[in-house]
Each structure stands twice: as C-alpha cells, then as structure tokens.
Amino acid sequence: MNSEYTVKYHAPERKELTNDEIVELHVKAHKDRLLKTVFYDGSCRTPQEFMRFVKDPAFCFMAVYDKNLTPAACCWLNGFSGRAALINFFVYRDFFGCQSFDIGHMVCDICLKPNEHGEAFLDTLYGITPRCNRAALGFVEGLGFKRIARLPNVCDFNGRIMPGILTIKEYEHG
C-alpha cells in the first residue's frame, strides 16, 4: 500500500471506523459539495443516512486518509458476484488532480492485487457511471477501467433517468 495513505474499513468482518469518523466523512463531503454528485439518487443527504449507508452489511466501505489523517477519499464495494464487485468512490476536493489517481490506483490494488500469500480479494471491479458525468468517466478510465457497455435508463441522476456506462477493471497477471 502507498505509505502516504492509510485505509480504515467498515465491513461485516472489519469495523475500524468510529461513528464520529463516519460523521466527519459526511460533513467533509457536504462542505466539498460532493453529496449531490456522488449520491445522485439522494440517498445520503444527512449524517444519519450516511451512517446507515456505511454500516450496511452488504457493503465493504473504505475511508482513505493522508499521512496527517485528513480524509482523502471514500470507496465502497457492493454487488458482489463470484470474485467481482461493484466499486464506487469519491475523492475530497483537496485531493483532486494527480493525488486522486494515486488514491484510486491504491484502492484498486487493495482489491485486485495478490497479497504476500498470492491471494487477491477480487479478480474484477466494475462500475456504472452516469453517461453525463464526464469527469468521473475520465477518472475511472485513467485508472485502467475499460468501457464495456452503455446501459439505458439505469442511473437516476438528480431525478433524471439516464444511461450509465458500464466499466470494468480486471487484475492483470504478470
């Protein structure tokens, strides 16, 4: 893992985030005006909704912190099927730019790269991004995700049903 960043998890088998830290993540996302874009379905507008979201047992939630323990990004996995999972993430505004790609690559490595025992958590990550969100599409493509399909009427983006772009990233052996 990149030594500039630390990851704290909240998953059924690993609960490292405190309630206060979860609220802090939401407050920072609100201050950075990220909630409406990231949770475009309106599901996490309040700290209480975000708390329920993070603690949902169907999710593996990761909070990424910099070396000063400032929240840098959040990521969650759900939609597990075999050795694949749906990935979603956002980067806080202070970490936009090159740092966001460093963080994104680190998160993908956590999920896809084999550990010292030769075992990887997953083989494939997939994402569904609203077609209109060009910044997010550019970001995931910069992380090595490949566009697979356009899915009609799959994203409820701020009350508008629209197409989403399905992308995948697989672990590349060797």
Protein backbone atom coordinates (compact mmCIF):
# COMPACT_ATOMS: atom_id res chain seq x y z
CA MET A 1 0.00 0.00 0.00
CA ASN A 2 1.10 3.57 -0.66
CA SER A 3 2.67 4.77 2.60
CA GLU A 4 1.29 8.28 2.10
CA TYR A 5 -2.23 6.99 2.79
CA THR A 6 -3.99 4.89 5.41
CA VAL A 7 -7.23 2.98 4.90
CA LYS A 8 -9.86 2.36 7.56
CA TYR A 9 -12.58 -0.18 6.83
CA HIS A 10 -16.17 -0.77 7.79
CA ALA A 11 -17.27 -4.20 6.63
CA PRO A 12 -19.04 -7.10 8.31
CA GLU A 13 -15.71 -8.64 9.37
CA ARG A 14 -13.74 -5.43 9.92
CA LYS A 15 -15.12 -2.37 11.73
CA GLU A 16 -12.37 0.22 12.15
CA LEU A 17 -14.33 3.46 11.64
CA THR A 18 -15.94 5.10 14.66
CA ASN A 19 -19.32 6.81 14.46
CA ASP A 20 -17.58 10.18 14.85
CA GLU A 21 -15.26 9.41 11.93
CA ILE A 22 -18.22 8.40 9.75
CA VAL A 23 -19.98 11.69 10.56
CA GLU A 24 -16.73 13.57 9.83
CA LEU A 25 -16.56 11.92 6.38
CA HIS A 26 -20.11 13.06 5.64
CA VAL A 27 -19.54 16.62 6.92
CA LYS A 28 -16.43 16.97 4.74
CA ALA A 29 -18.29 15.59 1.68
CA HIS A 30 -21.06 18.11 2.35
CA LYS A 31 -18.57 21.01 2.68
CA ASP A 32 -16.89 19.89 -0.56
CA ARG A 33 -20.33 19.85 -2.26
CA LEU A 34 -19.84 16.22 -3.31
CA LEU A 35 -23.03 14.65 -1.96
CA LYS A 36 -25.35 15.67 -4.79
CA THR A 37 -22.91 14.36 -7.41
CA VAL A 38 -21.80 11.18 -5.66
CA PHE A 39 -25.14 10.19 -4.15
CA TYR A 40 -27.10 11.47 -7.12
CA ASP A 41 -30.06 9.29 -6.10
CA GLY A 42 -30.46 11.42 -2.94
CA SER A 43 -29.75 8.51 -0.59
CA CYS A 44 -27.16 10.12 1.73
CA ARG A 45 -28.14 13.72 2.34
CA THR A 46 -27.90 13.59 6.14
CA PRO A 47 -25.24 12.21 8.52
CA GLN A 48 -27.78 9.64 9.74
CA GLU A 49 -28.44 8.39 6.21
CA PHE A 50 -24.71 8.23 5.54
CA MET A 51 -24.17 6.29 8.80
CA ARG A 52 -26.78 3.70 7.76
CA PHE A 53 -25.16 3.52 4.31
CA VAL A 54 -21.62 2.93 5.65
CA LYS A 55 -22.86 0.31 8.12
CA ASP A 56 -24.95 -1.62 5.57
CA PRO A 57 -23.71 -5.23 5.85
CA ALA A 58 -23.91 -5.62 2.07
CA PHE A 59 -21.07 -3.10 1.68
CA CYS A 60 -17.34 -3.07 2.24
CA PHE A 61 -16.64 0.62 2.94
CA MET A 62 -13.14 2.12 2.92
CA ALA A 63 -12.08 5.59 4.07
CA VAL A 64 -8.69 6.76 2.82
CA TYR A 65 -6.70 9.22 4.96
CA ASP A 66 -3.50 11.09 4.20
CA LYS A 67 -0.45 10.98 6.49
CA ASN A 68 -1.99 13.76 8.64
CA LEU A 69 -5.18 11.68 8.99
CA THR A 70 -7.15 14.10 6.81
CA PRO A 71 -9.93 12.30 4.90
CA ALA A 72 -8.81 11.99 1.28
CA ALA A 73 -11.36 9.64 -0.31
CA CYS A 74 -14.11 7.12 0.30
CA CYS A 75 -14.77 3.90 -1.54
CA TRP A 76 -17.29 1.12 -1.20
CA LEU A 77 -17.84 -2.26 -2.75
CA ASN A 78 -21.19 -3.99 -3.10
CA GLY A 79 -22.99 -6.04 -5.73
CA PHE A 80 -20.65 -8.95 -5.05
CA SER A 81 -20.92 -11.77 -7.57
CA GLY A 82 -18.32 -14.52 -7.61
CA ARG A 83 -14.94 -12.76 -7.49
CA ALA A 84 -16.29 -9.44 -8.78
CA ALA A 85 -17.81 -6.40 -7.08
CA LEU A 86 -19.32 -3.05 -7.97
CA ILE A 87 -17.00 -0.24 -6.90
CA ASN A 88 -17.92 3.37 -6.15
CA PHE A 89 -15.64 6.07 -4.86
CA PHE A 90 -15.12 9.75 -4.46
CA VAL A 91 -12.13 11.92 -3.68
CA TYR A 92 -12.35 15.01 -1.49
CA ARG A 93 -11.61 18.30 -3.25
CA ASP A 94 -8.24 18.84 -1.51
CA PHE A 95 -7.06 15.66 -3.23
CA PHE A 96 -8.34 16.30 -6.77
CA GLY A 97 -5.75 16.01 -9.53
CA CYS A 98 -2.74 13.69 -9.52
CA GLN A 99 -3.38 12.66 -5.91
CA SER A 100 -6.80 11.31 -6.87
CA PHE A 101 -5.18 8.92 -9.35
CA ASP A 102 -2.64 7.79 -6.72
CA ILE A 103 -5.50 7.08 -4.32
CA GLY A 104 -7.61 5.36 -6.99
CA HIS A 105 -4.73 3.10 -8.05
CA MET A 106 -4.06 2.24 -4.40
CA VAL A 107 -7.71 1.28 -3.80
CA CYS A 108 -7.77 -0.85 -6.96
CA ASP A 109 -4.54 -2.55 -5.87
CA ILE A 110 -6.04 -3.32 -2.44
CA CYS A 111 -8.96 -5.03 -4.19
CA LEU A 112 -7.18 -6.75 -7.09
CA LYS A 113 -3.50 -7.38 -6.36
CA PRO A 114 -2.48 -10.65 -4.72
CA ASN A 115 -1.16 -10.36 -1.18
CA GLU A 116 2.02 -11.98 0.14
CA HIS A 117 0.20 -15.35 0.11
CA GLY A 118 -0.69 -14.94 -3.57
CA GLU A 119 -4.38 -14.35 -2.85
CA ALA A 120 -6.36 -11.42 -4.19
CA PHE A 121 -9.60 -10.17 -2.62
CA LEU A 122 -11.25 -9.90 -6.06
CA ASP A 123 -10.48 -10.55 -9.72
CA THR A 124 -12.74 -7.89 -11.24
CA LEU A 125 -14.10 -4.47 -10.31
CA TYR A 126 -16.99 -2.98 -12.24
CA GLY A 127 -18.65 0.39 -12.16
CA ILE A 128 -21.73 2.10 -13.54
CA THR A 129 -21.27 5.82 -14.13
CA PRO A 130 -23.93 8.24 -15.40
CA ARG A 131 -23.09 8.99 -19.02
CA CYS A 132 -23.26 12.74 -18.32
CA ASN A 133 -20.54 12.58 -15.63
CA ARG A 134 -17.52 13.05 -17.90
CA ALA A 135 -15.15 13.82 -15.03
CA ALA A 136 -15.94 10.51 -13.32
CA LEU A 137 -15.66 8.58 -16.59
CA GLY A 138 -12.29 10.18 -17.30
CA PHE A 139 -11.14 9.33 -13.79
CA VAL A 140 -12.05 5.64 -13.95
CA GLU A 141 -10.61 5.30 -17.44
CA GLY A 142 -7.41 6.87 -16.11
CA LEU A 143 -7.33 4.07 -13.54
CA GLY A 144 -7.46 1.47 -16.29
CA PHE A 145 -11.17 0.69 -16.33
CA LYS A 146 -12.46 -0.22 -19.81
CA ARG A 147 -15.84 0.79 -21.19
CA ILE A 148 -17.91 -2.33 -21.79
CA ALA A 149 -21.45 -1.14 -22.50
CA ARG A 150 -23.95 1.68 -22.41
CA LEU A 151 -26.84 0.68 -20.18
CA PRO A 152 -30.07 2.54 -20.97
CA ASN A 153 -32.14 4.09 -18.18
CA VAL A 154 -30.03 2.71 -15.32
CA CYS A 155 -28.98 5.88 -13.45
CA ASP A 156 -31.31 8.15 -11.51
CA PHE A 157 -29.18 11.28 -11.71
CA ASN A 158 -30.77 14.05 -9.64
CA GLY A 159 -34.27 12.94 -10.61
CA ARG A 160 -33.48 12.26 -14.28
CA ILE A 161 -33.31 8.68 -15.50
CA MET A 162 -30.41 8.34 -17.92
CA PRO A 163 -27.95 5.88 -19.40
CA GLY A 164 -24.97 4.64 -17.47
CA ILE A 165 -21.62 3.46 -18.75
CA LEU A 166 -20.52 0.03 -17.52
CA THR A 167 -16.75 -0.19 -16.97
CA ILE A 168 -14.56 -2.99 -15.68
CA LYS A 169 -11.03 -3.43 -14.39
CA GLU A 170 -9.51 -6.87 -14.06
CA TYR A 171 -6.34 -7.94 -12.35
CA GLU A 172 -3.64 -8.30 -14.97
CA HIS A 173 -1.30 -11.19 -14.15
CA GLY A 174 2.39 -10.74 -14.81
